[in-house]
Amino acid sequence: MSKSHQSFNKKEKEKKRRKKKEAKLERREQRKAEKEQSGPKSFEDMLSYVDENGNLSSTPPDPAKKKKIKAEDIVLGIPPKEEGSEEDRIRKGAVKFFNHDKGYGFIIDTDTNQNLFVHMNNTNDLIKDNDKVTFEIENSAKGPTAVNVSLDKS
């Protein structure tokens, strides 16, 4: 009969597996002993509270710091845009560049120095470079644009 073909490497791997298994069982027993030693936790020990800043704490919140919030005051989603007066919406600026062949140009807002795109379909008057104009700002897919552009009468 022939001998078992168990090599040194196979024996070493088997020893490692056995040691791992024993260590795992030992850790499991240790956890069980620690759990029994500490005793079962009460329901109050397991509770956690949220303080006025939104942080978790083990103490209940102070009722004096409690704020009353009406359900109607809670806004879900994007808050509605507050419309300003008509004068606030109308802006003043200067035409930086306007190409009549292509039908577009740019206006610089005098208050914010913001560069705004303007298309000839959004102009009320014929405008050219360096004209003083009044306009309204409207958000488009590509960013803010000037609409209702007309020459400044003042």
C-alpha atoms as a PDB file:
ATOM      1  CA  MET A   1       0.000   0.000   0.000  1.00  0.00           C
ATOM      2  CA  SER A   2       1.117   3.479  -0.717  1.00  0.00           C
ATOM      3  CA  LYS A   3       1.526   6.319   1.748  1.00  0.00           C
ATOM      4  CA  SER A   4      -0.798   9.253   1.924  1.00  0.00           C
ATOM      5  CA  HIS A   5       0.401  12.061  -0.325  1.00  0.00           C
ATOM      6  CA  GLN A   6      -0.001  14.792   2.215  1.00  0.00           C
ATOM      7  CA  SER A   7       2.770  17.292   1.678  1.00  0.00           C
ATOM      8  CA  PHE A   8       4.315  19.698   4.165  1.00  0.00           C
ATOM      9  CA  ASN A   9       2.406  22.625   2.574  1.00  0.00           C
ATOM     10  CA  LYS A  10      -0.938  20.841   2.985  1.00  0.00           C
ATOM     11  CA  LYS A  11      -0.161  20.127   6.646  1.00  0.00           C
ATOM     12  CA  GLU A  12       0.719  23.783   7.282  1.00  0.00           C
ATOM     13  CA  LYS A  13      -2.500  25.017   5.627  1.00  0.00           C
ATOM     14  CA  GLU A  14      -4.541  22.574   7.736  1.00  0.00           C
ATOM     15  CA  LYS A  15      -2.822  23.821  10.916  1.00  0.00           C
ATOM     16  CA  LYS A  16      -3.617  27.446   9.991  1.00  0.00           C
ATOM     17  CA  ARG A  17      -7.272  26.559   9.332  1.00  0.00           C
ATOM     18  CA  ARG A  18      -7.530  24.785  12.699  1.00  0.00           C
ATOM     19  CA  LYS A  19      -5.935  27.739  14.527  1.00  0.00           C
ATOM     20  CA  LYS A  20      -8.296  30.212  12.807  1.00  0.00           C
ATOM     21  CA  LYS A  21     -11.308  28.106  13.760  1.00  0.00           C
ATOM     22  CA  GLU A  22     -10.175  27.843  17.379  1.00  0.00           C
ATOM     23  CA  ALA A  23      -9.519  31.591  17.583  1.00  0.00           C
ATOM     24  CA  LYS A  24     -12.968  32.300  16.154  1.00  0.00           C
ATOM     25  CA  LEU A  25     -14.633  30.021  18.722  1.00  0.00           C
ATOM     26  CA  GLU A  26     -12.601  31.658  21.493  1.00  0.00           C
ATOM     27  CA  ARG A  27     -13.690  35.168  20.401  1.00  0.00           C
ATOM     28  CA  ARG A  28     -17.317  34.025  20.235  1.00  0.00           C
ATOM     29  CA  GLU A  29     -17.123  32.645  23.794  1.00  0.00           C
ATOM     30  CA  GLN A  30     -15.481  35.857  24.972  1.00  0.00           C
ATOM     31  CA  ARG A  31     -18.295  37.978  23.474  1.00  0.00           C
ATOM     32  CA  LYS A  32     -20.905  35.749  25.113  1.00  0.00           C
ATOM     33  CA  ALA A  33     -19.187  36.117  28.481  1.00  0.00           C
ATOM     34  CA  GLU A  34     -18.999  39.930  28.116  1.00  0.00           C
ATOM     35  CA  LYS A  35     -22.677  40.084  27.178  1.00  0.00           C
ATOM     36  CA  GLU A  36     -23.713  38.004  30.199  1.00  0.00           C
ATOM     37  CA  GLN A  37     -21.449  40.047  32.461  1.00  0.00           C
ATOM     38  CA  SER A  38     -22.881  43.423  31.410  1.00  0.00           C
ATOM     39  CA  GLY A  39     -26.434  42.139  31.685  1.00  0.00           C
ATOM     40  CA  PRO A  40     -29.357  42.958  29.454  1.00  0.00           C
ATOM     41  CA  LYS A  41     -29.793  46.622  28.567  1.00  0.00           C
ATOM     42  CA  SER A  42     -32.984  48.348  29.542  1.00  0.00           C
ATOM     43  CA  PHE A  43     -35.145  50.095  26.987  1.00  0.00           C
ATOM     44  CA  GLU A  44     -34.202  53.520  28.401  1.00  0.00           C
ATOM     45  CA  ASP A  45     -30.487  52.726  27.947  1.00  0.00           C
ATOM     46  CA  MET A  46     -31.076  51.994  24.271  1.00  0.00           C
ATOM     47  CA  LEU A  47     -32.925  55.280  23.541  1.00  0.00           C
ATOM     48  CA  SER A  48     -31.174  58.229  21.963  1.00  0.00           C
ATOM     49  CA  TYR A  49     -32.561  61.732  21.519  1.00  0.00           C
ATOM     50  CA  VAL A  50     -32.088  64.559  19.051  1.00  0.00           C
ATOM     51  CA  ASP A  51     -31.180  67.935  20.560  1.00  0.00           C
ATOM     52  CA  GLU A  52     -32.143  71.385  19.209  1.00  0.00           C
ATOM     53  CA  ASN A  53     -29.114  71.383  16.882  1.00  0.00           C
ATOM     54  CA  GLY A  54     -29.989  68.033  15.329  1.00  0.00           C
ATOM     55  CA  ASN A  55     -27.258  66.073  17.129  1.00  0.00           C
ATOM     56  CA  LEU A  56     -27.857  62.697  18.816  1.00  0.00           C
ATOM     57  CA  SER A  57     -27.533  62.658  22.598  1.00  0.00           C
ATOM     58  CA  SER A  58     -28.304  60.281  25.455  1.00  0.00           C
ATOM     59  CA  THR A  59     -30.228  62.914  27.438  1.00  0.00           C
ATOM     60  CA  PRO A  60     -33.747  64.027  26.561  1.00  0.00           C
ATOM     61  CA  PRO A  61     -34.102  67.521  25.050  1.00  0.00           C
ATOM     62  CA  ASP A  62     -34.923  70.533  27.212  1.00  0.00           C
ATOM     63  CA  PRO A  63     -38.656  71.334  26.845  1.00  0.00           C
ATOM     64  CA  ALA A  64     -37.906  75.063  27.351  1.00  0.00           C
ATOM     65  CA  LYS A  65     -35.969  75.122  24.066  1.00  0.00           C
ATOM     66  CA  LYS A  66     -38.789  73.484  22.120  1.00  0.00           C
ATOM     67  CA  LYS A  67     -40.064  75.524  19.160  1.00  0.00           C
ATOM     68  CA  LYS A  68     -43.615  75.415  17.822  1.00  0.00           C
ATOM     69  CA  ILE A  69     -43.799  75.029  14.034  1.00  0.00           C
ATOM     70  CA  LYS A  70     -47.027  75.230  12.094  1.00  0.00           C
ATOM     71  CA  ALA A  71     -47.551  72.664   9.359  1.00  0.00           C
ATOM     72  CA  GLU A  72     -48.488  75.455   6.924  1.00  0.00           C
ATOM     73  CA  ASP A  73     -45.055  77.070   7.376  1.00  0.00           C
ATOM     74  CA  ILE A  74     -43.209  74.001   6.104  1.00  0.00           C
ATOM     75  CA  VAL A  75     -42.329  74.356   2.427  1.00  0.00           C
ATOM     76  CA  LEU A  76     -41.796  71.141   0.519  1.00  0.00           C
ATOM     77  CA  GLY A  77     -39.585  71.494  -2.535  1.00  0.00           C
ATOM     78  CA  ILE A  78     -38.363  74.781  -3.923  1.00  0.00           C
ATOM     79  CA  PRO A  79     -39.820  77.824  -2.149  1.00  0.00           C
ATOM     80  CA  PRO A  80     -41.943  80.050  -4.378  1.00  0.00           C
ATOM     81  CA  LYS A  81     -40.119  83.006  -5.912  1.00  0.00           C
ATOM     82  CA  GLU A  82     -41.120  86.285  -4.359  1.00  0.00           C
ATOM     83  CA  GLU A  83     -42.015  88.786  -7.030  1.00  0.00           C
ATOM     84  CA  GLY A  84     -40.456  92.202  -6.518  1.00  0.00           C
ATOM     85  CA  SER A  85     -41.919  95.463  -7.691  1.00  0.00           C
ATOM     86  CA  GLU A  86     -41.898  96.317 -11.396  1.00  0.00           C
ATOM     87  CA  GLU A  87     -39.034  98.782 -10.899  1.00  0.00           C
ATOM     88  CA  ASP A  88     -36.798  96.117  -9.324  1.00  0.00           C
ATOM     89  CA  ARG A  89     -37.157  93.820 -12.323  1.00  0.00           C
ATOM     90  CA  ILE A  90     -36.199  96.462 -14.902  1.00  0.00           C
ATOM     91  CA  ARG A  91     -32.404  96.784 -15.141  1.00  0.00           C
ATOM     92  CA  LYS A  92     -30.147  99.245 -16.945  1.00  0.00           C
ATOM     93  CA  GLY A  93     -27.058  98.441 -18.943  1.00  0.00           C
ATOM     94  CA  ALA A  94     -24.959  99.086 -22.020  1.00  0.00           C
ATOM     95  CA  VAL A  95     -24.683  97.043 -25.201  1.00  0.00           C
ATOM     96  CA  LYS A  96     -21.171  95.591 -25.280  1.00  0.00           C
ATOM     97  CA  PHE A  97     -21.499  93.894 -28.659  1.00  0.00           C
ATOM     98  CA  PHE A  98     -24.359  93.247 -31.089  1.00  0.00           C
ATOM     99  CA  ASN A  99     -24.123  91.464 -34.470  1.00  0.00           C
ATOM    100  CA  HIS A 100     -27.133  92.269 -36.669  1.00  0.00           C
ATOM    101  CA  ASP A 101     -26.227  89.610 -39.257  1.00  0.00           C
ATOM    102  CA  LYS A 102     -26.320  86.798 -36.695  1.00  0.00           C
ATOM    103  CA  GLY A 103     -28.990  88.413 -34.498  1.00  0.00           C
ATOM    104  CA  TYR A 104     -27.381  88.238 -31.073  1.00  0.00           C
ATOM    105  CA  GLY A 105     -25.161  90.234 -28.750  1.00  0.00           C
ATOM    106  CA  PHE A 106     -24.190  90.939 -25.153  1.00  0.00           C
ATOM    107  CA  ILE A 107     -25.280  93.540 -22.610  1.00  0.00           C
ATOM    108  CA  ILE A 108     -23.357  94.564 -19.478  1.00  0.00           C
ATOM    109  CA  ASP A 109     -25.582  95.223 -16.448  1.00  0.00           C
ATOM    110  CA  THR A 110     -24.498  98.522 -14.847  1.00  0.00           C
ATOM    111  CA  ASP A 111     -25.367  97.383 -11.289  1.00  0.00           C
ATOM    112  CA  THR A 112     -23.697  93.957 -11.272  1.00  0.00           C
ATOM    113  CA  ASN A 113     -21.292  94.199 -14.258  1.00  0.00           C
ATOM    114  CA  GLN A 114     -22.793  90.884 -15.382  1.00  0.00           C
ATOM    115  CA  ASN A 115     -22.497  89.927 -19.046  1.00  0.00           C
ATOM    116  CA  LEU A 116     -25.940  88.923 -20.402  1.00  0.00           C
ATOM    117  CA  PHE A 117     -26.790  87.322 -23.716  1.00  0.00           C
ATOM    118  CA  VAL A 118     -29.456  89.052 -25.822  1.00  0.00           C
ATOM    119  CA  HIS A 119     -31.169  87.792 -28.966  1.00  0.00           C
ATOM    120  CA  MET A 120     -32.760  90.081 -31.543  1.00  0.00           C
ATOM    121  CA  ASN A 121     -36.173  88.444 -30.907  1.00  0.00           C
ATOM    122  CA  ASN A 122     -36.034  89.819 -27.336  1.00  0.00           C
ATOM    123  CA  THR A 123     -35.404  93.446 -28.390  1.00  0.00           C
ATOM    124  CA  ASN A 124     -38.121  96.062 -28.764  1.00  0.00           C
ATOM    125  CA  ASP A 125     -35.911  98.607 -30.540  1.00  0.00           C
ATOM    126  CA  LEU A 126     -33.021  98.463 -32.979  1.00  0.00           C
ATOM    127  CA  ILE A 127     -29.880  98.431 -30.831  1.00  0.00           C
ATOM    128  CA  LYS A 128     -26.193  98.801 -31.655  1.00  0.00           C
ATOM    129  CA  ASP A 129     -22.850  98.765 -29.814  1.00  0.00           C
ATOM    130  CA  ASN A 130     -22.477 101.137 -26.804  1.00  0.00           C
ATOM    131  CA  ASP A 131     -26.231 101.954 -26.626  1.00  0.00           C
ATOM    132  CA  LYS A 132     -27.721 102.512 -23.157  1.00  0.00           C
ATOM    133  CA  VAL A 133     -30.631 100.085 -22.704  1.00  0.00           C
ATOM    134  CA  THR A 134     -33.209  98.891 -20.175  1.00  0.00           C
ATOM    135  CA  PHE A 135     -34.052  95.212 -19.912  1.00  0.00           C
ATOM    136  CA  GLU A 136     -35.295  92.384 -17.717  1.00  0.00           C
ATOM    137  CA  ILE A 137     -33.339  89.277 -16.754  1.00  0.00           C
ATOM    138  CA  GLU A 138     -34.800  85.863 -17.492  1.00  0.00           C
ATOM    139  CA  ASN A 139     -33.187  82.488 -16.813  1.00  0.00           C
ATOM    140  CA  SER A 140     -32.902  80.276 -19.865  1.00  0.00           C
ATOM    141  CA  ALA A 141     -31.487  76.798 -20.344  1.00  0.00           C
ATOM    142  CA  LYS A 142     -28.010  78.217 -20.962  1.00  0.00           C
ATOM    143  CA  GLY A 143     -28.058  80.857 -18.191  1.00  0.00           C
ATOM    144  CA  PRO A 144     -29.430  84.373 -17.634  1.00  0.00           C
ATOM    145  CA  THR A 145     -30.517  86.287 -20.727  1.00  0.00           C
ATOM    146  CA  ALA A 146     -31.794  89.808 -21.307  1.00  0.00           C
ATOM    147  CA  VAL A 147     -35.410  90.123 -22.490  1.00  0.00           C
ATOM    148  CA  ASN A 148     -37.685  93.097 -23.299  1.00  0.00           C
ATOM    149  CA  VAL A 149     -34.602  95.105 -24.279  1.00  0.00           C
ATOM    150  CA  SER A 150     -35.333  98.694 -25.309  1.00  0.00           C
ATOM    151  CA  LEU A 151     -33.308 101.885 -25.658  1.00  0.00           C
ATOM    152  CA  ASP A 152     -32.986 103.895 -22.437  1.00  0.00           C
ATOM    153  CA  LYS A 153     -35.014 107.100 -22.819  1.00  0.00           C
ATOM    154  CA  SER A 154     -33.344 108.907 -19.876  1.00  0.00           C
END
